[in-house]
Amino acid sequence: MTATFAIEVTRLSKRYGTTTVLDGVELSLVAGSRTALTGANGAGKSTLLAILSTLVSPTGGQVRIAGYDLQTQAVEVRRRIGVLGHRPMLYEDLTPLENLLFFAKLYGVANPRPRAEAFLEVLGLWSRRFEPVSVLSRGYHQRLAIGRALIHSPEILLLDEPETGLDAEGIELLDALMLREPAFTVLAATHRLDRIAGWADSTANIERGRLVSHQVSAEALAASR
């Protein structure tokens, strides 16, 4: 049986003036796989994720997400990805409930209120649901951002240092709802090398804008065949 790729990156490059940030990156991730993206600060991890998230345009190469071309079918791509990064990307003047309802409406989620309320319960934000996000702690911001990234039931999760700001309970929620949830394909940049074995089935390493290795576990390799 031929593997179905959720993410296909071919000869991807990104330059800012004379500075090359990504240089001919090639990466194919099977649907349902969970990949840790590693590398030093400045290696290109965040730029790769920003391109896959449609937030930054590449200089060259091709990307397909869930079978859709990143540059010509960006709207379809956005419907299928959930993005979580350093910045929670929330509206601080709105309440947690209003934020989730806003993003649900943005994605055309049918009957969104029960889904938004369920996320607030699970994320430990129910008692704070009517307060402005601006008064909440950094950890609660990140918890709410998990709900924002999942509200539209994406297929693929693109995560950039998702543990940022989370306490031990928040990390458990991240693991249960995102990193270890088998319904998703996950690509997550992380410096938490101590945690990779607990959720990832492959590791892709970037050095100076180049993908230098992509190691897939034997179990994941067998499952993809």
N, C-alpha and C. Protein backbone atom coordinates (compact mmCIF):
# COMPACT_ATOMS: atom_id res chain seq x y z
N MET A 1 0.85 -1.20 0.00
CA MET A 1 0.00 0.00 0.00
C MET A 1 0.89 1.25 0.00
N THR A 2 0.64 2.18 -0.88
CA THR A 2 1.44 3.39 -0.99
C THR A 2 1.09 4.35 0.13
N ALA A 3 2.11 4.90 0.78
CA ALA A 3 1.90 5.84 1.87
C ALA A 3 1.29 7.14 1.35
N THR A 4 0.41 7.73 2.15
CA THR A 4 -0.16 9.03 1.82
C THR A 4 0.62 10.10 2.58
N PHE A 5 1.15 11.07 1.86
CA PHE A 5 1.94 12.11 2.50
C PHE A 5 1.05 13.29 2.89
N ALA A 6 1.13 13.68 4.15
CA ALA A 6 0.42 14.86 4.62
C ALA A 6 1.18 16.12 4.28
N ILE A 7 2.51 16.03 4.30
CA ILE A 7 3.37 17.16 4.00
C ILE A 7 4.44 16.71 3.02
N GLU A 8 4.58 17.43 1.90
CA GLU A 8 5.62 17.15 0.91
C GLU A 8 6.36 18.45 0.59
N VAL A 9 7.63 18.49 0.93
CA VAL A 9 8.46 19.67 0.71
C VAL A 9 9.55 19.30 -0.29
N THR A 10 9.64 20.07 -1.37
CA THR A 10 10.58 19.77 -2.44
C THR A 10 11.44 20.99 -2.75
N ARG A 11 12.75 20.84 -2.57
CA ARG A 11 13.74 21.88 -2.91
C ARG A 11 13.35 23.27 -2.38
N LEU A 12 12.87 23.29 -1.16
CA LEU A 12 12.36 24.54 -0.58
C LEU A 12 13.51 25.46 -0.17
N SER A 13 13.40 26.71 -0.57
CA SER A 13 14.42 27.70 -0.20
C SER A 13 13.76 28.99 0.26
N LYS A 14 14.49 29.70 1.11
CA LYS A 14 14.05 31.02 1.55
C LYS A 14 15.27 31.89 1.75
N ARG A 15 15.24 33.04 1.08
CA ARG A 15 16.33 34.01 1.21
C ARG A 15 15.76 35.37 1.59
N TYR A 16 16.52 36.07 2.41
CA TYR A 16 16.24 37.46 2.73
C TYR A 16 17.44 38.26 2.23
N GLY A 17 17.29 38.89 1.10
CA GLY A 17 18.43 39.57 0.49
C GLY A 17 19.50 38.56 0.11
N THR A 18 20.68 38.73 0.64
CA THR A 18 21.78 37.80 0.34
C THR A 18 21.89 36.68 1.38
N THR A 19 21.00 36.70 2.37
CA THR A 19 21.06 35.69 3.43
C THR A 19 20.14 34.52 3.11
N THR A 20 20.69 33.33 3.05
CA THR A 20 19.90 32.12 2.79
C THR A 20 19.50 31.49 4.12
N VAL A 21 18.20 31.39 4.35
CA VAL A 21 17.69 30.84 5.61
C VAL A 21 17.34 29.36 5.44
N LEU A 22 16.77 28.99 4.29
CA LEU A 22 16.50 27.60 3.94
C LEU A 22 17.13 27.32 2.59
N ASP A 23 17.75 26.15 2.49
CA ASP A 23 18.53 25.85 1.29
C ASP A 23 18.21 24.44 0.78
N GLY A 24 17.23 24.36 -0.14
CA GLY A 24 16.91 23.09 -0.78
C GLY A 24 16.37 22.02 0.14
N VAL A 25 15.49 22.39 1.06
CA VAL A 25 14.93 21.43 2.02
C VAL A 25 14.00 20.44 1.32
N GLU A 26 14.21 19.16 1.61
CA GLU A 26 13.35 18.09 1.10
C GLU A 26 12.82 17.31 2.30
N LEU A 27 11.49 17.19 2.41
CA LEU A 27 10.91 16.50 3.54
C LEU A 27 9.53 15.98 3.18
N SER A 28 9.31 14.69 3.42
CA SER A 28 7.99 14.08 3.18
C SER A 28 7.54 13.40 4.46
N LEU A 29 6.35 13.76 4.95
CA LEU A 29 5.83 13.20 6.18
C LEU A 29 4.53 12.46 5.90
N VAL A 30 4.50 11.21 6.33
CA VAL A 30 3.32 10.36 6.12
C VAL A 30 2.18 10.84 7.01
N ALA A 31 0.96 10.75 6.50
CA ALA A 31 -0.22 11.11 7.28
C ALA A 31 -0.25 10.29 8.56
N GLY A 32 -0.49 10.96 9.68
CA GLY A 32 -0.54 10.31 10.97
C GLY A 32 0.80 10.24 11.69
N SER A 33 1.87 10.67 11.04
CA SER A 33 3.19 10.65 11.68
C SER A 33 3.35 11.83 12.63
N ARG A 34 4.30 11.70 13.55
CA ARG A 34 4.59 12.76 14.52
C ARG A 34 6.10 13.00 14.50
N THR A 35 6.50 14.16 14.01
CA THR A 35 7.91 14.44 13.75
C THR A 35 8.41 15.60 14.59
N ALA A 36 9.52 15.37 15.28
CA ALA A 36 10.19 16.43 16.03
C ALA A 36 11.20 17.11 15.11
N LEU A 37 11.11 18.42 15.01
CA LEU A 37 12.02 19.21 14.18
C LEU A 37 13.06 19.84 15.10
N THR A 38 14.31 19.44 14.92
CA THR A 38 15.37 19.87 15.84
C THR A 38 16.44 20.67 15.10
N GLY A 39 17.25 21.36 15.88
CA GLY A 39 18.33 22.17 15.32
C GLY A 39 18.60 23.35 16.22
N ALA A 40 19.76 23.96 16.05
CA ALA A 40 20.15 25.10 16.88
C ALA A 40 19.29 26.31 16.58
N ASN A 41 19.32 27.30 17.46
CA ASN A 41 18.66 28.57 17.18
C ASN A 41 19.21 29.16 15.89
N GLY A 42 18.32 29.61 15.01
CA GLY A 42 18.75 30.19 13.75
C GLY A 42 18.99 29.18 12.65
N ALA A 43 18.71 27.91 12.90
CA ALA A 43 18.96 26.88 11.89
C ALA A 43 17.95 26.91 10.76
N GLY A 44 16.76 27.48 11.03
CA GLY A 44 15.73 27.55 9.99
C GLY A 44 14.42 26.87 10.36
N LYS A 45 14.33 26.35 11.58
CA LYS A 45 13.13 25.62 11.99
C LYS A 45 11.88 26.50 11.93
N SER A 46 11.96 27.67 12.56
CA SER A 46 10.78 28.56 12.60
C SER A 46 10.41 29.05 11.21
N THR A 47 11.39 29.30 10.38
CA THR A 47 11.10 29.74 9.01
C THR A 47 10.39 28.65 8.23
N LEU A 48 10.84 27.42 8.38
CA LEU A 48 10.17 26.30 7.70
C LEU A 48 8.73 26.20 8.15
N LEU A 49 8.49 26.26 9.44
CA LEU A 49 7.13 26.16 9.95
C LEU A 49 6.28 27.34 9.51
N ALA A 50 6.87 28.53 9.46
CA ALA A 50 6.13 29.71 9.02
C ALA A 50 5.70 29.58 7.56
N ILE A 51 6.56 29.01 6.73
CA ILE A 51 6.21 28.78 5.33
C ILE A 51 5.09 27.75 5.22
N LEU A 52 5.23 26.64 5.94
CA LEU A 52 4.19 25.61 5.89
C LEU A 52 2.85 26.14 6.41
N SER A 53 2.91 27.11 7.32
CA SER A 53 1.70 27.68 7.90
C SER A 53 1.10 28.78 7.04
N THR A 54 1.69 29.07 5.88
CA THR A 54 1.27 30.10 4.93
C THR A 54 1.51 31.51 5.46
N LEU A 55 2.34 31.67 6.48
CA LEU A 55 2.62 32.97 7.06
C LEU A 55 3.78 33.67 6.36
N VAL A 56 4.64 32.91 5.70
CA VAL A 56 5.80 33.43 4.99
C VAL A 56 5.86 32.77 3.62
N SER A 57 6.17 33.54 2.59
CA SER A 57 6.27 32.98 1.24
C SER A 57 7.68 32.46 0.99
N PRO A 58 7.81 31.29 0.36
CA PRO A 58 9.14 30.77 0.03
C PRO A 58 9.76 31.51 -1.14
N THR A 59 11.06 31.42 -1.25
CA THR A 59 11.76 31.98 -2.40
C THR A 59 11.73 31.02 -3.58
N GLY A 60 11.79 29.73 -3.28
CA GLY A 60 11.77 28.72 -4.33
C GLY A 60 11.34 27.38 -3.78
N GLY A 61 11.06 26.44 -4.68
CA GLY A 61 10.64 25.11 -4.28
C GLY A 61 9.14 24.95 -4.28
N GLN A 62 8.71 23.79 -3.83
CA GLN A 62 7.27 23.47 -3.83
C GLN A 62 6.89 22.80 -2.52
N VAL A 63 5.67 23.11 -2.05
CA VAL A 63 5.13 22.49 -0.85
C VAL A 63 3.70 22.05 -1.12
N ARG A 64 3.39 20.83 -0.72
CA ARG A 64 2.00 20.36 -0.76
C ARG A 64 1.61 19.94 0.65
N ILE A 65 0.45 20.42 1.09
CA ILE A 65 -0.09 20.11 2.40
C ILE A 65 -1.43 19.42 2.20
N ALA A 66 -1.55 18.19 2.70
CA ALA A 66 -2.79 17.41 2.52
C ALA A 66 -3.18 17.34 1.05
N GLY A 67 -2.18 17.34 0.17
CA GLY A 67 -2.42 17.23 -1.26
C GLY A 67 -2.62 18.55 -1.97
N TYR A 68 -2.67 19.66 -1.22
CA TYR A 68 -2.92 20.96 -1.82
C TYR A 68 -1.62 21.75 -1.97
N ASP A 69 -1.51 22.47 -3.09
CA ASP A 69 -0.33 23.29 -3.34
C ASP A 69 -0.36 24.52 -2.43
N LEU A 70 0.73 24.73 -1.72
CA LEU A 70 0.79 25.80 -0.73
C LEU A 70 0.55 27.18 -1.33
N GLN A 71 1.11 27.43 -2.50
CA GLN A 71 1.05 28.78 -3.06
C GLN A 71 -0.22 29.06 -3.86
N THR A 72 -0.78 28.05 -4.50
CA THR A 72 -1.97 28.29 -5.32
C THR A 72 -3.27 27.88 -4.63
N GLN A 73 -3.18 27.12 -3.54
CA GLN A 73 -4.38 26.66 -2.83
C GLN A 73 -4.25 26.93 -1.33
N ALA A 74 -3.77 28.12 -1.00
CA ALA A 74 -3.50 28.45 0.40
C ALA A 74 -4.74 28.39 1.28
N VAL A 75 -5.90 28.76 0.74
CA VAL A 75 -7.13 28.73 1.53
C VAL A 75 -7.44 27.30 1.96
N GLU A 76 -7.30 26.35 1.05
CA GLU A 76 -7.54 24.95 1.38
C GLU A 76 -6.52 24.44 2.40
N VAL A 77 -5.27 24.90 2.24
CA VAL A 77 -4.23 24.50 3.20
C VAL A 77 -4.59 24.98 4.60
N ARG A 78 -5.00 26.24 4.73
CA ARG A 78 -5.29 26.81 6.06
C ARG A 78 -6.42 26.07 6.77
N ARG A 79 -7.35 25.55 6.01
CA ARG A 79 -8.46 24.82 6.63
C ARG A 79 -8.00 23.51 7.26
N ARG A 80 -6.85 23.03 6.84
CA ARG A 80 -6.39 21.70 7.25
C ARG A 80 -5.24 21.71 8.24
N ILE A 81 -4.79 22.91 8.60
CA ILE A 81 -3.67 23.00 9.53
C ILE A 81 -4.08 23.71 10.82
N GLY A 82 -3.47 23.28 11.90
CA GLY A 82 -3.57 23.98 13.18
C GLY A 82 -2.18 24.46 13.55
N VAL A 83 -2.06 25.73 13.92
CA VAL A 83 -0.76 26.34 14.13
C VAL A 83 -0.64 26.83 15.57
N LEU A 84 0.47 26.47 16.20
CA LEU A 84 0.75 26.92 17.57
C LEU A 84 2.22 27.28 17.64
N GLY A 85 2.51 28.51 18.11
CA GLY A 85 3.89 28.95 18.16
C GLY A 85 4.22 29.72 19.41
N HIS A 86 5.29 30.51 19.36
CA HIS A 86 5.71 31.31 20.51
C HIS A 86 4.62 32.30 20.90
N ARG A 87 4.04 32.93 19.89
CA ARG A 87 2.99 33.91 20.14
C ARG A 87 1.63 33.22 20.08
N PRO A 88 0.80 33.41 21.10
CA PRO A 88 -0.49 32.72 21.13
C PRO A 88 -1.45 33.11 20.00
N MET A 89 -1.25 34.32 19.42
CA MET A 89 -2.11 34.82 18.34
C MET A 89 -3.57 34.90 18.79
N LEU A 90 -3.77 35.58 19.92
CA LEU A 90 -5.10 35.77 20.49
C LEU A 90 -5.44 37.25 20.50
N TYR A 91 -6.73 37.55 20.63
CA TYR A 91 -7.19 38.93 20.79
C TYR A 91 -7.35 39.19 22.28
N GLU A 92 -6.46 40.02 22.83
CA GLU A 92 -6.40 40.17 24.28
C GLU A 92 -7.57 40.95 24.86
N ASP A 93 -8.25 41.75 24.04
CA ASP A 93 -9.42 42.48 24.54
C ASP A 93 -10.66 41.60 24.61
N LEU A 94 -10.61 40.44 23.95
CA LEU A 94 -11.73 39.51 23.98
C LEU A 94 -11.53 38.49 25.12
N THR A 95 -12.61 37.85 25.51
CA THR A 95 -12.54 36.80 26.52
C THR A 95 -12.09 35.49 25.86
N PRO A 96 -11.71 34.48 26.67
CA PRO A 96 -11.38 33.19 26.08
C PRO A 96 -12.51 32.62 25.23
N LEU A 97 -13.75 32.73 25.71
CA LEU A 97 -14.88 32.22 24.94
C LEU A 97 -15.04 32.99 23.64
N GLU A 98 -14.93 34.30 23.70
CA GLU A 98 -15.08 35.12 22.49
C GLU A 98 -13.97 34.82 21.48
N ASN A 99 -12.75 34.58 21.97
CA ASN A 99 -11.66 34.22 21.07
C ASN A 99 -11.96 32.93 20.32
N LEU A 100 -12.36 31.90 21.04
CA LEU A 100 -12.62 30.63 20.37
C LEU A 100 -13.80 30.72 19.41
N LEU A 101 -14.82 31.46 19.79
CA LEU A 101 -15.97 31.64 18.89
C LEU A 101 -15.57 32.43 17.65
N PHE A 102 -14.70 33.43 17.81
CA PHE A 102 -14.24 34.21 16.67
C PHE A 102 -13.49 33.33 15.67
N PHE A 103 -12.54 32.53 16.17
CA PHE A 103 -11.76 31.69 15.26
C PHE A 103 -12.62 30.57 14.67
N ALA A 104 -13.58 30.07 15.43
CA ALA A 104 -14.49 29.07 14.89
C ALA A 104 -15.30 29.64 13.73
N LYS A 105 -15.78 30.88 13.90
CA LYS A 105 -16.53 31.53 12.82
C LYS A 105 -15.64 31.77 11.61
N LEU A 106 -14.38 32.14 11.86
CA LEU A 106 -13.43 32.39 10.78
C LEU A 106 -13.27 31.15 9.90
N TYR A 107 -13.31 29.99 10.53
CA TYR A 107 -13.15 28.73 9.80
C TYR A 107 -14.47 28.09 9.38
N GLY A 108 -15.57 28.74 9.68
CA GLY A 108 -16.86 28.21 9.27
C GLY A 108 -17.31 27.00 10.05
N VAL A 109 -16.90 26.91 11.33
CA VAL A 109 -17.30 25.77 12.17
C VAL A 109 -18.80 25.88 12.47
N ALA A 110 -19.52 24.81 12.19
CA ALA A 110 -20.96 24.78 12.45
C ALA A 110 -21.23 24.61 13.94
N ASN A 111 -22.21 25.35 14.48
CA ASN A 111 -22.60 25.26 15.88
C ASN A 111 -21.38 25.29 16.80
N PRO A 112 -20.61 26.37 16.78
CA PRO A 112 -19.32 26.38 17.46
C PRO A 112 -19.36 26.49 18.98
N ARG A 113 -20.43 27.03 19.55
CA ARG A 113 -20.40 27.31 20.99
C ARG A 113 -20.17 26.06 21.84
N PRO A 114 -20.88 24.94 21.60
CA PRO A 114 -20.60 23.75 22.42
C PRO A 114 -19.15 23.29 22.30
N ARG A 115 -18.59 23.38 21.11
CA ARG A 115 -17.20 22.97 20.92
C ARG A 115 -16.25 23.90 21.68
N ALA A 116 -16.49 25.21 21.58
CA ALA A 116 -15.66 26.17 22.29
C ALA A 116 -15.75 25.96 23.80
N GLU A 117 -16.94 25.75 24.31
CA GLU A 117 -17.12 25.54 25.74
C GLU A 117 -16.45 24.26 26.21
N ALA A 118 -16.50 23.23 25.38
CA ALA A 118 -15.85 21.97 25.74
C ALA A 118 -14.34 22.15 25.85
N PHE A 119 -13.75 22.91 24.94
CA PHE A 119 -12.32 23.18 25.00
C PHE A 119 -11.97 23.96 26.27
N LEU A 120 -12.78 24.94 26.63
CA LEU A 120 -12.51 25.73 27.83
C LEU A 120 -12.55 24.85 29.07
N GLU A 121 -13.45 23.89 29.11
CA GLU A 121 -13.50 22.94 30.23
C GLU A 121 -12.23 22.11 30.28
N VAL A 122 -11.87 21.51 29.16
CA VAL A 122 -10.72 20.62 29.11
C VAL A 122 -9.42 21.37 29.43
N LEU A 123 -9.31 22.59 28.96
CA LEU A 123 -8.08 23.37 29.12
C LEU A 123 -7.98 24.08 30.47
N GLY A 124 -8.98 23.90 31.33
CA GLY A 124 -8.94 24.51 32.65
C GLY A 124 -9.22 26.00 32.64
N LEU A 125 -9.95 26.47 31.65
CA LEU A 125 -10.22 27.89 31.50
C LEU A 125 -11.69 28.25 31.70
N TRP A 126 -12.49 27.28 32.11
CA TRP A 126 -13.93 27.53 32.20
C TRP A 126 -14.26 28.66 33.17
N SER A 127 -13.61 28.68 34.33
CA SER A 127 -13.91 29.71 35.32
C SER A 127 -13.43 31.09 34.90
N ARG A 128 -12.57 31.15 33.88
CA ARG A 128 -12.02 32.43 33.40
C ARG A 128 -12.61 32.83 32.04
N ARG A 129 -13.65 32.16 31.62
CA ARG A 129 -14.13 32.28 30.24
C ARG A 129 -14.67 33.66 29.90
N PHE A 130 -15.08 34.44 30.91
CA PHE A 130 -15.65 35.76 30.64
C PHE A 130 -14.69 36.90 30.96
N GLU A 131 -13.45 36.59 31.30
CA GLU A 131 -12.46 37.63 31.61
C GLU A 131 -11.67 37.99 30.35
N PRO A 132 -11.21 39.22 30.25
CA PRO A 132 -10.36 39.56 29.10
C PRO A 132 -9.09 38.70 29.11
N VAL A 133 -8.68 38.29 27.95
CA VAL A 133 -7.45 37.49 27.86
C VAL A 133 -6.25 38.26 28.41
N SER A 134 -6.29 39.57 28.33
CA SER A 134 -5.16 40.40 28.78
C SER A 134 -4.82 40.21 30.25
N VAL A 135 -5.77 39.76 31.07
CA VAL A 135 -5.50 39.60 32.50
C VAL A 135 -5.02 38.19 32.84
N LEU A 136 -5.00 37.30 31.87
CA LEU A 136 -4.61 35.92 32.12
C LEU A 136 -3.10 35.76 32.05
N SER A 137 -2.59 34.72 32.70
CA SER A 137 -1.16 34.44 32.72
C SER A 137 -0.67 33.94 31.37
N ARG A 138 0.65 33.95 31.19
CA ARG A 138 1.25 33.44 29.95
C ARG A 138 0.86 31.99 29.73
N GLY A 139 0.84 31.20 30.78
CA GLY A 139 0.47 29.80 30.63
C GLY A 139 -0.95 29.61 30.15
N TYR A 140 -1.86 30.44 30.66
CA TYR A 140 -3.26 30.36 30.21
C TYR A 140 -3.39 30.84 28.76
N HIS A 141 -2.59 31.81 28.38
CA HIS A 141 -2.59 32.24 26.98
C HIS A 141 -2.25 31.05 26.08
N GLN A 142 -1.22 30.29 26.46
CA GLN A 142 -0.79 29.16 25.64
C GLN A 142 -1.84 28.05 25.64
N ARG A 143 -2.47 27.84 26.77
CA ARG A 143 -3.55 26.84 26.80
C ARG A 143 -4.68 27.25 25.85
N LEU A 144 -5.06 28.51 25.91
CA LEU A 144 -6.13 28.97 25.03
C LEU A 144 -5.71 28.87 23.57
N ALA A 145 -4.42 29.10 23.29
CA ALA A 145 -3.92 28.98 21.92
C ALA A 145 -4.02 27.55 21.42
N ILE A 146 -3.92 26.57 22.32
CA ILE A 146 -4.14 25.18 21.93
C ILE A 146 -5.57 25.02 21.41
N GLY A 147 -6.52 25.58 22.15
CA GLY A 147 -7.91 25.52 21.70
C GLY A 147 -8.12 26.23 20.38
N ARG A 148 -7.47 27.40 20.22
CA ARG A 148 -7.58 28.13 18.95
C ARG A 148 -7.07 27.30 17.79
N ALA A 149 -5.97 26.59 18.00
CA ALA A 149 -5.38 25.80 16.92
C ALA A 149 -6.21 24.58 16.56
N LEU A 150 -7.04 24.13 17.50
CA LEU A 150 -7.80 22.89 17.28
C LEU A 150 -9.29 23.12 16.99
N ILE A 151 -9.77 24.34 17.14
CA ILE A 151 -11.20 24.60 17.10
C ILE A 151 -11.85 24.16 15.79
N HIS A 152 -11.09 24.17 14.68
CA HIS A 152 -11.68 23.85 13.37
C HIS A 152 -11.37 22.41 12.93
N SER A 153 -10.93 21.57 13.86
CA SER A 153 -10.65 20.16 13.59
C SER A 153 -9.66 19.97 12.43
N PRO A 154 -8.44 20.50 12.57
CA PRO A 154 -7.45 20.37 11.49
C PRO A 154 -6.94 18.93 11.37
N GLU A 155 -6.29 18.65 10.26
CA GLU A 155 -5.68 17.33 10.04
C GLU A 155 -4.20 17.33 10.45
N ILE A 156 -3.57 18.49 10.31
CA ILE A 156 -2.12 18.61 10.46
C ILE A 156 -1.81 19.71 11.46
N LEU A 157 -0.89 19.44 12.40
CA LEU A 157 -0.50 20.41 13.39
C LEU A 157 0.93 20.86 13.14
N LEU A 158 1.13 22.17 13.08
CA LEU A 158 2.45 22.77 12.87
C LEU A 158 2.77 23.58 14.13
N LEU A 159 3.72 23.09 14.91
CA LEU A 159 3.96 23.62 16.24
C LEU A 159 5.39 24.11 16.37
N ASP A 160 5.56 25.31 16.89
CA ASP A 160 6.89 25.89 17.06
C ASP A 160 7.13 26.11 18.55
N GLU A 161 7.95 25.26 19.16
CA GLU A 161 8.23 25.29 20.60
C GLU A 161 6.92 25.36 21.39
N PRO A 162 6.04 24.38 21.23
CA PRO A 162 4.70 24.46 21.82
C PRO A 162 4.68 24.42 23.34
N GLU A 163 5.77 23.94 23.96
CA GLU A 163 5.81 23.89 25.43
C GLU A 163 5.99 25.25 26.08
N THR A 164 6.33 26.27 25.27
CA THR A 164 6.64 27.60 25.79
C THR A 164 5.53 28.12 26.71
N GLY A 165 5.90 28.47 27.95
CA GLY A 165 4.96 29.09 28.88
C GLY A 165 4.07 28.12 29.63
N LEU A 166 4.13 26.83 29.31
CA LEU A 166 3.23 25.88 29.95
C LEU A 166 3.86 25.27 31.20
N ASP A 167 3.04 25.12 32.25
CA ASP A 167 3.49 24.40 33.43
C ASP A 167 3.29 22.90 33.20
N ALA A 168 3.57 22.08 34.21
CA ALA A 168 3.49 20.62 34.05
C ALA A 168 2.09 20.18 33.62
N GLU A 169 1.05 20.78 34.20
CA GLU A 169 -0.32 20.41 33.83
C GLU A 169 -0.62 20.83 32.40
N GLY A 170 -0.11 22.00 32.01
CA GLY A 170 -0.31 22.47 30.64
C GLY A 170 0.37 21.58 29.63
N ILE A 171 1.56 21.08 29.97
CA ILE A 171 2.27 20.18 29.07
C ILE A 171 1.53 18.86 28.93
N GLU A 172 0.92 18.40 30.01
CA GLU A 172 0.10 17.19 29.92
C GLU A 172 -1.07 17.40 28.96
N LEU A 173 -1.68 18.58 29.00
CA LEU A 173 -2.77 18.89 28.07
C LEU A 173 -2.26 18.94 26.63
N LEU A 174 -1.10 19.56 26.44
CA LEU A 174 -0.49 19.62 25.11
C LEU A 174 -0.26 18.21 24.57
N ASP A 175 0.28 17.34 25.40
CA ASP A 175 0.54 15.97 24.97
C ASP A 175 -0.75 15.24 24.60
N ALA A 176 -1.76 15.35 25.47
CA ALA A 176 -3.00 14.60 25.26
C ALA A 176 -3.78 15.12 24.05
N LEU A 177 -3.82 16.44 23.88
CA LEU A 177 -4.66 17.03 22.83
C LEU A 177 -3.96 17.17 21.49
N MET A 178 -2.61 17.20 21.51
CA MET A 178 -1.88 17.47 20.27
C MET A 178 -0.80 16.44 19.98
N LEU A 179 0.23 16.42 20.79
CA LEU A 179 1.44 15.66 20.44
C LEU A 179 1.21 14.15 20.38
N ARG A 180 0.37 13.62 21.25
CA ARG A 180 0.15 12.17 21.28
C ARG A 180 -1.20 11.75 20.72
N GLU A 181 -1.94 12.70 20.19
CA GLU A 181 -3.26 12.39 19.64
C GLU A 181 -3.09 11.77 18.25
N PRO A 182 -3.47 10.50 18.08
CA PRO A 182 -3.21 9.81 16.81
C PRO A 182 -3.99 10.34 15.62
N ALA A 183 -4.99 11.19 15.84
CA ALA A 183 -5.78 11.70 14.72
C ALA A 183 -5.00 12.71 13.87
N PHE A 184 -3.90 13.24 14.41
CA PHE A 184 -3.18 14.32 13.73
C PHE A 184 -1.85 13.85 13.13
N THR A 185 -1.44 14.55 12.06
CA THR A 185 -0.05 14.55 11.64
C THR A 185 0.60 15.74 12.33
N VAL A 186 1.75 15.51 12.98
CA VAL A 186 2.37 16.56 13.79
C VAL A 186 3.79 16.83 13.30
N LEU A 187 4.11 18.10 13.10
CA LEU A 187 5.48 18.55 12.88
C LEU A 187 5.73 19.64 13.91
N ALA A 188 6.64 19.37 14.85
CA ALA A 188 6.85 20.30 15.97
C ALA A 188 8.32 20.59 16.18
N ALA A 189 8.67 21.87 16.08
CA ALA A 189 10.03 22.29 16.42
C ALA A 189 10.16 22.32 17.93
N THR A 190 11.25 21.76 18.44
CA THR A 190 11.42 21.71 19.89
C THR A 190 12.88 21.67 20.28
N HIS A 191 13.17 22.29 21.42
CA HIS A 191 14.47 22.15 22.06
C HIS A 191 14.40 21.16 23.21
N ARG A 192 13.20 20.67 23.50
CA ARG A 192 13.02 19.72 24.60
C ARG A 192 13.35 18.32 24.13
N LEU A 193 14.63 18.07 23.93
CA LEU A 193 15.08 16.78 23.42
C LEU A 193 14.74 15.66 24.39
N ASP A 194 14.62 15.99 25.67
CA ASP A 194 14.29 14.98 26.68
C ASP A 194 12.87 14.46 26.53
N ARG A 195 12.03 15.18 25.81
CA ARG A 195 10.62 14.78 25.68
C ARG A 195 10.29 14.11 24.35
N ILE A 196 11.20 14.16 23.41
CA ILE A 196 10.90 13.69 22.06
C ILE A 196 10.47 12.23 22.03
N ALA A 197 11.18 11.38 22.77
CA ALA A 197 10.87 9.95 22.75
C ALA A 197 9.46 9.65 23.23
N GLY A 198 8.87 10.56 24.00
CA GLY A 198 7.54 10.33 24.54
C GLY A 198 6.41 10.59 23.56
N TRP A 199 6.71 11.25 22.43
CA TRP A 199 5.61 11.52 21.49
C TRP A 199 5.98 11.35 20.03
N ALA A 200 7.25 11.53 19.64
CA ALA A 200 7.61 11.54 18.22
C ALA A 200 7.96 10.16 17.71
N ASP A 201 7.62 9.89 16.44
CA ASP A 201 8.05 8.65 15.80
C ASP A 201 9.12 8.91 14.75
N SER A 202 9.50 10.19 14.57
CA SER A 202 10.62 10.51 13.70
C SER A 202 11.23 11.84 14.13
N THR A 203 12.48 12.06 13.75
CA THR A 203 13.17 13.31 14.06
C THR A 203 13.83 13.85 12.81
N ALA A 204 13.56 15.10 12.49
CA ALA A 204 14.18 15.77 11.35
C ALA A 204 15.07 16.88 11.90
N ASN A 205 16.34 16.89 11.48
CA ASN A 205 17.30 17.85 12.02
C ASN A 205 17.74 18.84 10.95
N ILE A 206 17.67 20.12 11.28
CA ILE A 206 18.09 21.19 10.36
C ILE A 206 19.37 21.83 10.88
N GLU A 207 20.33 22.02 9.97
CA GLU A 207 21.55 22.76 10.28
C GLU A 207 21.80 23.79 9.19
N ARG A 208 21.87 25.06 9.60
CA ARG A 208 22.17 26.15 8.68
C ARG A 208 21.29 26.12 7.43
N GLY A 209 20.01 25.89 7.65
CA GLY A 209 19.05 25.95 6.56
C GLY A 209 18.90 24.69 5.73
N ARG A 210 19.66 23.65 6.09
CA ARG A 210 19.59 22.41 5.33
C ARG A 210 19.09 21.26 6.22
N LEU A 211 18.23 20.45 5.66
CA LEU A 211 17.79 19.26 6.38
C LEU A 211 18.88 18.21 6.26
N VAL A 212 19.54 17.90 7.36
CA VAL A 212 20.70 17.01 7.31
C VAL A 212 20.37 15.58 7.69
N SER A 213 19.22 15.36 8.32
CA SER A 213 18.81 14.00 8.63
C SER A 213 17.31 13.94 8.89
N HIS A 214 16.72 12.78 8.61
CA HIS A 214 15.33 12.50 8.94
C HIS A 214 15.25 11.04 9.34
N GLN A 215 15.23 10.80 10.62
CA GLN A 215 15.26 9.45 11.16
C GLN A 215 13.86 9.03 11.58
N VAL A 216 13.40 7.93 11.00
CA VAL A 216 12.06 7.41 11.27
C VAL A 216 12.19 6.12 12.06
N SER A 217 11.38 5.97 13.10
CA SER A 217 11.44 4.75 13.90
C SER A 217 11.03 3.55 13.07
N ALA A 218 11.53 2.37 13.46
CA ALA A 218 11.20 1.14 12.73
C ALA A 218 9.70 0.88 12.72
N GLU A 219 9.03 1.19 13.85
CA GLU A 219 7.59 0.96 13.93
C GLU A 219 6.83 1.85 12.95
N ALA A 220 7.24 3.13 12.89
CA ALA A 220 6.57 4.05 11.97
C ALA A 220 6.85 3.70 10.53
N LEU A 221 8.05 3.25 10.24
CA LEU A 221 8.41 2.87 8.88
C LEU A 221 7.57 1.68 8.43
N ALA A 222 7.41 0.70 9.31
CA ALA A 222 6.61 -0.48 8.96
C ALA A 222 5.15 -0.12 8.76
N ALA A 223 4.65 0.81 9.59
CA ALA A 223 3.25 1.21 9.49
C ALA A 223 2.95 1.95 8.20
N SER A 224 3.96 2.60 7.63
CA SER A 224 3.74 3.41 6.44
C SER A 224 3.76 2.58 5.16
N ARG A 225 4.14 1.32 5.25
CA ARG A 225 4.26 0.48 4.06
C ARG A 225 2.95 -0.22 3.73
